[in-house]
Amino acid sequence: MQIERQMYGKCKEFFDVLIEGIKEDILSSTGKTIAEEKLKEGYSYKKKIMNKKETIAKAKIVKYDVPNEYCLKVTSDNGVTTISYKIRQEDDENFTVVYKEEYVAKGASKGKLVHFMHERSVKKRINRTLDYIQKYMNEKKNKEE
């Protein structure tokens, strides 16, 4: 599943917000604060996932190219989820974000209906997240001016 969105601002501003989110995820999953310099390809941590019950998965940064690309692979007992952001500056004020999420279930497939419902849920969540990031970037820029 892929979502492409035009946004206002600079790639670096978006990536900075993304980094804040990554650091918060690591803190909430591990209880440890991580320095930004330690975030790089190959970095891995145990990630808490809340479905019907709390599950521990292995999260590994697969791609970390500031401010252009971030990719995380999350492996759990149920399957593997790969999440990626590709960010491209279009001009001085606009950039494009391409969000991609793929899930490969272990064992028997749960069927097309479940896949469709999951994809629909992810699209809603990501669109809300991108809306929030844009709003956050706008508010931050307005405070600086």
C-alpha atoms as a PDB file:
ATOM      1  CA  MET A   1       0.000   0.000   0.000  1.00  0.00           C
ATOM      2  CA  GLN A   2       1.362   3.395  -0.952  1.00  0.00           C
ATOM      3  CA  ILE A   3       0.302   6.984  -0.266  1.00  0.00           C
ATOM      4  CA  GLU A   4       1.812   9.970  -2.049  1.00  0.00           C
ATOM      5  CA  ARG A   5       1.252  13.425  -0.583  1.00  0.00           C
ATOM      6  CA  GLN A   6       2.308  16.933  -1.584  1.00  0.00           C
ATOM      7  CA  MET A   7       3.290  18.974   1.465  1.00  0.00           C
ATOM      8  CA  TYR A   8       4.396  22.511   2.231  1.00  0.00           C
ATOM      9  CA  GLY A   9       7.868  23.157   3.646  1.00  0.00           C
ATOM     10  CA  LYS A  10      11.315  21.603   3.428  1.00  0.00           C
ATOM     11  CA  CYS A  11      12.279  17.924   3.423  1.00  0.00           C
ATOM     12  CA  LYS A  12      14.583  18.509   6.399  1.00  0.00           C
ATOM     13  CA  GLU A  13      11.722  19.958   8.476  1.00  0.00           C
ATOM     14  CA  PHE A  14       9.640  16.857   7.775  1.00  0.00           C
ATOM     15  CA  PHE A  15      12.559  14.521   8.524  1.00  0.00           C
ATOM     16  CA  ASP A  16      13.203  16.332  11.824  1.00  0.00           C
ATOM     17  CA  VAL A  17       9.609  15.574  12.885  1.00  0.00           C
ATOM     18  CA  LEU A  18      10.069  11.983  11.726  1.00  0.00           C
ATOM     19  CA  ILE A  19      13.229  11.702  13.874  1.00  0.00           C
ATOM     20  CA  GLU A  20      11.309  12.988  16.908  1.00  0.00           C
ATOM     21  CA  GLY A  21       8.707  10.257  16.322  1.00  0.00           C
ATOM     22  CA  ILE A  22      11.370   7.558  15.926  1.00  0.00           C
ATOM     23  CA  LYS A  23      13.053   8.610  19.172  1.00  0.00           C
ATOM     24  CA  GLU A  24       9.684   8.625  20.990  1.00  0.00           C
ATOM     25  CA  ASP A  25       8.907   5.126  19.664  1.00  0.00           C
ATOM     26  CA  ILE A  26      12.268   3.836  20.890  1.00  0.00           C
ATOM     27  CA  LEU A  27      11.760   5.490  24.299  1.00  0.00           C
ATOM     28  CA  SER A  28       8.240   4.059  24.730  1.00  0.00           C
ATOM     29  CA  SER A  29       9.346   0.593  23.605  1.00  0.00           C
ATOM     30  CA  THR A  30      12.656   0.327  25.459  1.00  0.00           C
ATOM     31  CA  GLY A  31      12.538   2.985  28.166  1.00  0.00           C
ATOM     32  CA  LYS A  32      15.809   4.355  26.782  1.00  0.00           C
ATOM     33  CA  THR A  33      16.524   7.748  25.270  1.00  0.00           C
ATOM     34  CA  ILE A  34      18.637   7.547  22.121  1.00  0.00           C
ATOM     35  CA  ALA A  35      20.901  10.224  20.685  1.00  0.00           C
ATOM     36  CA  GLU A  36      20.100  11.208  17.118  1.00  0.00           C
ATOM     37  CA  GLU A  37      23.657  10.287  16.065  1.00  0.00           C
ATOM     38  CA  LYS A  38      22.951   6.626  16.933  1.00  0.00           C
ATOM     39  CA  LEU A  39      20.056   6.451  14.478  1.00  0.00           C
ATOM     40  CA  LYS A  40      21.434   4.786  11.372  1.00  0.00           C
ATOM     41  CA  GLU A  41      20.990   1.827   9.071  1.00  0.00           C
ATOM     42  CA  GLY A  42      21.266  -1.408  11.021  1.00  0.00           C
ATOM     43  CA  TYR A  43      20.110   0.040  14.361  1.00  0.00           C
ATOM     44  CA  SER A  44      17.619  -2.356  15.969  1.00  0.00           C
ATOM     45  CA  TYR A  45      15.478  -2.452  19.097  1.00  0.00           C
ATOM     46  CA  LYS A  46      12.627  -4.408  20.654  1.00  0.00           C
ATOM     47  CA  LYS A  47       9.362  -2.713  19.772  1.00  0.00           C
ATOM     48  CA  LYS A  48       6.112  -2.981  21.710  1.00  0.00           C
ATOM     49  CA  ILE A  49       3.088  -3.578  19.495  1.00  0.00           C
ATOM     50  CA  MET A  50      -0.455  -3.306  20.812  1.00  0.00           C
ATOM     51  CA  ASN A  51      -2.979  -5.460  18.992  1.00  0.00           C
ATOM     52  CA  LYS A  52      -5.381  -7.535  21.053  1.00  0.00           C
ATOM     53  CA  LYS A  53      -2.518  -7.999  23.495  1.00  0.00           C
ATOM     54  CA  GLU A  54       0.929  -6.469  23.833  1.00  0.00           C
ATOM     55  CA  THR A  55       3.515  -8.178  21.626  1.00  0.00           C
ATOM     56  CA  ILE A  56       7.257  -7.654  21.391  1.00  0.00           C
ATOM     57  CA  ALA A  57       8.714  -7.446  17.886  1.00  0.00           C
ATOM     58  CA  LYS A  58      12.155  -6.709  16.479  1.00  0.00           C
ATOM     59  CA  ALA A  59      12.448  -3.351  14.720  1.00  0.00           C
ATOM     60  CA  LYS A  60      15.412  -2.640  12.475  1.00  0.00           C
ATOM     61  CA  ILE A  61      16.253   0.526  10.545  1.00  0.00           C
ATOM     62  CA  VAL A  62      16.875  -0.634   6.986  1.00  0.00           C
ATOM     63  CA  LYS A  63      17.414   2.777   5.341  1.00  0.00           C
ATOM     64  CA  TYR A  64      18.340   6.075   6.993  1.00  0.00           C
ATOM     65  CA  ASP A  65      19.239   8.802   4.519  1.00  0.00           C
ATOM     66  CA  VAL A  66      18.599  12.268   6.003  1.00  0.00           C
ATOM     67  CA  PRO A  67      16.472  14.055   4.701  1.00  0.00           C
ATOM     68  CA  ASN A  68      15.430  11.788   1.824  1.00  0.00           C
ATOM     69  CA  GLU A  69      14.507   8.319   3.034  1.00  0.00           C
ATOM     70  CA  TYR A  70      13.674   6.249   6.092  1.00  0.00           C
ATOM     71  CA  CYS A  71      12.735   2.566   6.148  1.00  0.00           C
ATOM     72  CA  LEU A  72      11.917   0.370   9.148  1.00  0.00           C
ATOM     73  CA  LYS A  73      11.368  -3.388   9.156  1.00  0.00           C
ATOM     74  CA  VAL A  74       9.329  -4.814  12.049  1.00  0.00           C
ATOM     75  CA  THR A  75       9.393  -8.585  12.536  1.00  0.00           C
ATOM     76  CA  SER A  76       6.921 -10.241  14.890  1.00  0.00           C
ATOM     77  CA  ASP A  77       5.580 -13.755  15.402  1.00  0.00           C
ATOM     78  CA  ASN A  78       2.710 -12.874  13.027  1.00  0.00           C
ATOM     79  CA  GLY A  79       4.762 -11.535  10.128  1.00  0.00           C
ATOM     80  CA  VAL A  80       6.940  -8.744   8.787  1.00  0.00           C
ATOM     81  CA  THR A  81       5.884  -5.124   8.273  1.00  0.00           C
ATOM     82  CA  THR A  82       8.079  -2.792   6.225  1.00  0.00           C
ATOM     83  CA  ILE A  83       7.403   0.943   6.512  1.00  0.00           C
ATOM     84  CA  SER A  84       9.168   3.513   4.361  1.00  0.00           C
ATOM     85  CA  TYR A  85       9.112   7.257   3.760  1.00  0.00           C
ATOM     86  CA  LYS A  86      10.689   8.757   0.656  1.00  0.00           C
ATOM     87  CA  ILE A  87      10.842  12.543   0.681  1.00  0.00           C
ATOM     88  CA  ARG A  88      11.611  14.650  -2.377  1.00  0.00           C
ATOM     89  CA  GLN A  89      11.935  18.460  -2.465  1.00  0.00           C
ATOM     90  CA  GLU A  90       9.924  19.794  -5.429  1.00  0.00           C
ATOM     91  CA  ASP A  91      10.762  23.514  -5.129  1.00  0.00           C
ATOM     92  CA  ASP A  92      11.635  26.041  -2.400  1.00  0.00           C
ATOM     93  CA  GLU A  93       8.306  25.612  -0.607  1.00  0.00           C
ATOM     94  CA  ASN A  94       6.941  22.172  -1.492  1.00  0.00           C
ATOM     95  CA  PHE A  95       7.965  18.556  -1.159  1.00  0.00           C
ATOM     96  CA  THR A  96       6.478  15.148  -1.830  1.00  0.00           C
ATOM     97  CA  VAL A  97       6.244  12.315   0.688  1.00  0.00           C
ATOM     98  CA  VAL A  98       5.759   8.763  -0.531  1.00  0.00           C
ATOM     99  CA  TYR A  99       4.717   6.506   2.331  1.00  0.00           C
ATOM    100  CA  LYS A 100       4.748   2.784   1.700  1.00  0.00           C
ATOM    101  CA  GLU A 101       3.738  -0.020   4.033  1.00  0.00           C
ATOM    102  CA  GLU A 102       3.873  -3.717   3.265  1.00  0.00           C
ATOM    103  CA  TYR A 103       2.823  -6.574   5.519  1.00  0.00           C
ATOM    104  CA  VAL A 104       3.728 -10.196   4.870  1.00  0.00           C
ATOM    105  CA  ALA A 105       1.910 -12.582   7.207  1.00  0.00           C
ATOM    106  CA  LYS A 106       3.576 -15.723   8.481  1.00  0.00           C
ATOM    107  CA  GLY A 107       1.647 -18.923   7.888  1.00  0.00           C
ATOM    108  CA  ALA A 108      -1.793 -18.956   6.319  1.00  0.00           C
ATOM    109  CA  SER A 109      -3.060 -15.782   4.681  1.00  0.00           C
ATOM    110  CA  LYS A 110      -6.044 -14.179   6.376  1.00  0.00           C
ATOM    111  CA  GLY A 111      -7.841 -13.483   3.143  1.00  0.00           C
ATOM    112  CA  LYS A 112      -8.557 -10.558   0.876  1.00  0.00           C
ATOM    113  CA  LEU A 113     -11.248  -8.958   3.058  1.00  0.00           C
ATOM    114  CA  VAL A 114      -8.973  -8.725   6.101  1.00  0.00           C
ATOM    115  CA  HIS A 115      -6.162  -7.389   3.882  1.00  0.00           C
ATOM    116  CA  PHE A 116      -8.524  -4.760   2.410  1.00  0.00           C
ATOM    117  CA  MET A 117      -9.741  -3.683   5.871  1.00  0.00           C
ATOM    118  CA  HIS A 118      -6.173  -3.459   7.189  1.00  0.00           C
ATOM    119  CA  GLU A 119      -5.075  -1.393   4.196  1.00  0.00           C
ATOM    120  CA  ARG A 120      -8.035   0.963   4.604  1.00  0.00           C
ATOM    121  CA  SER A 121      -7.239   1.413   8.295  1.00  0.00           C
ATOM    122  CA  VAL A 122      -3.570   2.129   7.524  1.00  0.00           C
ATOM    123  CA  LYS A 123      -4.495   4.720   4.883  1.00  0.00           C
ATOM    124  CA  LYS A 124      -6.701   6.584   7.368  1.00  0.00           C
ATOM    125  CA  ARG A 125      -4.010   6.478  10.056  1.00  0.00           C
ATOM    126  CA  ILE A 126      -1.240   7.677   7.740  1.00  0.00           C
ATOM    127  CA  ASN A 127      -3.328  10.479   6.247  1.00  0.00           C
ATOM    128  CA  ARG A 128      -4.124  11.685   9.796  1.00  0.00           C
ATOM    129  CA  THR A 129      -0.420  11.427  10.697  1.00  0.00           C
ATOM    130  CA  LEU A 130       0.656  13.421   7.625  1.00  0.00           C
ATOM    131  CA  ASP A 131      -2.021  16.054   8.399  1.00  0.00           C
ATOM    132  CA  TYR A 132      -0.696  16.295  11.957  1.00  0.00           C
ATOM    133  CA  ILE A 133       2.929  16.606  10.770  1.00  0.00           C
ATOM    134  CA  GLN A 134       1.986  19.394   8.335  1.00  0.00           C
ATOM    135  CA  LYS A 135       0.114  21.244  11.092  1.00  0.00           C
ATOM    136  CA  TYR A 136       3.045  20.784  13.501  1.00  0.00           C
ATOM    137  CA  MET A 137       5.542  22.071  10.900  1.00  0.00           C
ATOM    138  CA  ASN A 138       3.318  25.105  10.179  1.00  0.00           C
ATOM    139  CA  GLU A 139       2.970  25.943  13.891  1.00  0.00           C
ATOM    140  CA  LYS A 140       6.717  25.582  14.447  1.00  0.00           C
ATOM    141  CA  LYS A 141       7.457  27.855  11.480  1.00  0.00           C
ATOM    142  CA  ASN A 142       4.938  30.474  12.717  1.00  0.00           C
ATOM    143  CA  LYS A 143       6.576  30.525  16.183  1.00  0.00           C
ATOM    144  CA  GLU A 144       9.990  31.122  14.599  1.00  0.00           C
ATOM    145  CA  GLU A 145       8.769  34.086  12.528  1.00  0.00           C
END
